[in-house]
Amino acid sequence: MHVILLSGMDAESTSKYLKINGFGNQAVFENQICRFTKVLDGSPTRITIWVMLNTKLTQYMLKSIEYRIKYVVFLYHANKPITLLRALGWFRLFEIGDRNMVLCSTLTNTPHPTAAYAKLIGTMVDKFKTYDGKTIPHYSISFNKLIKLFE
């Protein structure tokens, strides 16, 4: 299974997210498409994830492989709304097509600081709608649980 992980976070935060989710000490770099492989525990499925940060160069590179993409995860940091805006920028590239797309935030240990902050996040999440008006699913779970939703 090949999954594209389009991150709205910076390289350091994305690398930390991968480490927390069992991909070892893998480093993610700007302006590169990074490939990581993992076999899920208790499953014969081999996952290959292609990780990209939101830069102009990776957007152009992604256009060349867009037709092969079936599973897409838009990743953002739960406590940094700017990363959600960057993920929305990625989403605007994929509004057309038959893909399994999900929006995923990092797991947070603390609730939103204010009700206004939670409303801001909710308003931005509502913008992840396809042309036919369907909102893509939004999760705040570990990457392994998220991948099992694709199987």
Protein backbone atom coordinates (compact mmCIF):
# COMPACT_ATOMS: atom_id res chain seq x y z
CA MET A 1 0.00 0.00 0.00
CA HIS A 2 1.37 3.40 -0.99
CA VAL A 3 0.26 6.43 1.01
CA ILE A 4 1.12 10.05 0.30
CA LEU A 5 1.63 12.05 3.51
CA LEU A 6 1.34 15.75 2.71
CA SER A 7 2.49 17.68 5.73
CA GLY A 8 1.68 21.25 6.61
CA MET A 9 4.33 21.13 9.33
CA ASP A 10 8.03 21.93 9.07
CA ALA A 11 10.70 19.27 8.59
CA GLU A 12 11.52 18.95 12.29
CA SER A 13 7.90 18.49 13.40
CA THR A 14 7.17 16.02 10.59
CA SER A 15 10.27 13.96 11.46
CA LYS A 16 9.17 13.94 15.11
CA TYR A 17 5.68 12.77 14.07
CA LEU A 18 7.17 9.88 12.09
CA LYS A 19 9.42 8.89 15.00
CA ILE A 20 6.48 8.87 17.43
CA ASN A 21 4.55 6.65 14.99
CA GLY A 22 7.23 3.99 14.66
CA PHE A 23 9.27 5.02 11.64
CA GLY A 24 12.54 5.28 13.60
CA ASN A 25 14.88 8.23 13.32
CA GLN A 26 13.88 9.10 9.78
CA ALA A 27 14.58 12.65 8.67
CA VAL A 28 12.30 14.61 6.37
CA PHE A 29 13.79 17.34 4.20
CA GLU A 30 12.29 20.33 2.43
CA ASN A 31 12.01 20.23 -1.36
CA GLN A 32 12.30 16.44 -1.41
CA ILE A 33 9.93 13.52 -1.62
CA CYS A 34 11.00 11.19 1.19
CA ARG A 35 10.09 7.49 1.08
CA PHE A 36 9.71 5.30 4.17
CA THR A 37 8.57 1.68 4.48
CA LYS A 38 7.01 -0.16 7.39
CA VAL A 39 5.18 -3.43 8.01
CA LEU A 40 2.24 -3.07 10.38
CA ASP A 41 2.18 -5.25 13.47
CA GLY A 42 -0.11 -8.24 13.04
CA SER A 43 -0.76 -7.45 9.38
CA PRO A 44 0.86 -8.70 6.18
CA THR A 45 0.46 -5.25 4.64
CA ARG A 46 3.62 -3.37 3.80
CA ILE A 47 3.12 0.40 3.95
CA THR A 48 5.22 2.75 1.86
CA ILE A 49 4.69 6.39 2.70
CA TRP A 50 5.83 9.24 0.54
CA VAL A 51 6.29 12.32 2.71
CA MET A 52 6.32 15.86 1.35
CA LEU A 53 6.42 19.26 2.96
CA ASN A 54 4.42 22.07 1.39
CA THR A 55 6.87 23.94 -0.84
CA LYS A 56 6.52 25.13 -4.42
CA LEU A 57 9.08 22.61 -5.67
CA THR A 58 7.33 19.59 -4.09
CA GLN A 59 3.99 20.82 -5.44
CA TYR A 60 5.44 20.77 -8.96
CA MET A 61 7.03 17.34 -8.40
CA LEU A 62 3.74 15.99 -7.06
CA LYS A 63 1.90 17.00 -10.22
CA SER A 64 4.02 14.50 -12.18
CA ILE A 65 2.86 11.54 -10.05
CA GLU A 66 -0.62 12.77 -9.16
CA TYR A 67 -2.43 10.28 -11.39
CA ARG A 68 -0.91 7.33 -9.47
CA ILE A 69 -2.00 8.50 -6.04
CA LYS A 70 -4.82 6.63 -4.34
CA TYR A 71 -4.37 7.27 -0.58
CA VAL A 72 -3.65 10.78 0.70
CA VAL A 73 -3.17 12.01 4.27
CA PHE A 74 -3.09 15.74 4.93
CA LEU A 75 -1.17 16.22 8.17
CA TYR A 76 -1.18 19.25 10.48
CA HIS A 77 -0.09 20.08 14.02
CA ALA A 78 -2.99 20.30 16.47
CA ASN A 79 -1.55 23.34 18.27
CA LYS A 80 -0.37 25.32 15.22
CA PRO A 81 -3.21 26.59 12.97
CA ILE A 82 -0.77 27.76 10.27
CA THR A 83 0.02 24.11 9.56
CA LEU A 84 -3.67 23.51 8.89
CA LEU A 85 -3.63 26.33 6.33
CA ARG A 86 -0.64 24.71 4.62
CA ALA A 87 -2.49 21.37 4.59
CA LEU A 88 -5.43 23.19 3.00
CA GLY A 89 -3.03 24.41 0.31
CA TRP A 90 -2.11 20.78 -0.39
CA PHE A 91 -5.78 19.85 -0.49
CA ARG A 92 -6.53 22.47 -3.14
CA LEU A 93 -4.24 20.50 -5.49
CA PHE A 94 -6.34 17.32 -5.04
CA GLU A 95 -9.95 18.43 -5.14
CA ILE A 96 -10.56 16.44 -8.31
CA GLY A 97 -10.06 12.71 -8.49
CA ASP A 98 -11.07 9.42 -7.00
CA ARG A 99 -8.80 9.17 -3.98
CA ASN A 100 -9.13 8.13 -0.37
CA MET A 101 -8.27 11.36 1.41
CA VAL A 102 -8.19 12.10 5.13
CA LEU A 103 -7.18 15.03 7.28
CA CYS A 104 -5.12 14.09 10.32
CA SER A 105 -3.81 16.13 13.22
CA THR A 106 -1.03 15.24 15.58
CA LEU A 107 -2.12 13.87 18.92
CA THR A 108 -2.26 16.54 21.56
CA ASN A 109 -2.10 16.07 25.32
CA THR A 110 -3.91 19.30 26.11
CA PRO A 111 -7.30 20.60 24.99
CA HIS A 112 -7.62 23.71 22.86
CA PRO A 113 -6.65 26.79 24.89
CA THR A 114 -9.92 28.67 24.21
CA ALA A 115 -13.30 28.07 22.64
CA ALA A 116 -12.42 30.59 19.91
CA TYR A 117 -9.35 28.52 19.02
CA ALA A 118 -11.46 25.36 18.73
CA LYS A 119 -13.97 27.23 16.55
CA LEU A 120 -11.14 28.48 14.30
CA ILE A 121 -9.89 24.92 13.79
CA GLY A 122 -13.45 23.70 13.11
CA THR A 123 -14.04 26.45 10.56
CA MET A 124 -10.82 25.65 8.70
CA VAL A 125 -11.55 21.90 8.75
CA ASP A 126 -14.91 22.61 7.05
CA LYS A 127 -13.01 24.00 4.04
CA PHE A 128 -11.74 20.50 3.18
CA LYS A 129 -14.69 19.82 0.87
CA THR A 130 -14.56 18.14 -2.50
CA TYR A 131 -16.35 19.54 -5.54
CA ASP A 132 -19.37 17.35 -4.84
CA GLY A 133 -19.73 18.94 -1.38
CA LYS A 134 -18.40 16.08 0.75
CA THR A 135 -16.11 16.97 3.63
CA ILE A 136 -13.12 14.64 3.89
CA PRO A 137 -12.82 12.72 7.18
CA HIS A 138 -10.87 14.35 10.01
CA TYR A 139 -8.97 12.26 12.57
CA SER A 140 -6.72 12.78 15.53
CA ILE A 141 -5.35 9.27 15.92
CA SER A 142 -2.01 7.52 15.54
CA PHE A 143 -0.72 6.84 12.04
CA ASN A 144 -1.08 3.05 12.42
CA LYS A 145 -4.79 3.38 13.30
CA LEU A 146 -5.24 5.76 10.41
CA ILE A 147 -3.70 3.33 7.92
CA LYS A 148 -6.00 0.54 9.12
CA LEU A 149 -8.91 2.71 7.98
CA PHE A 150 -7.58 2.45 4.40
CA GLU A 151 -7.35 -1.37 4.44
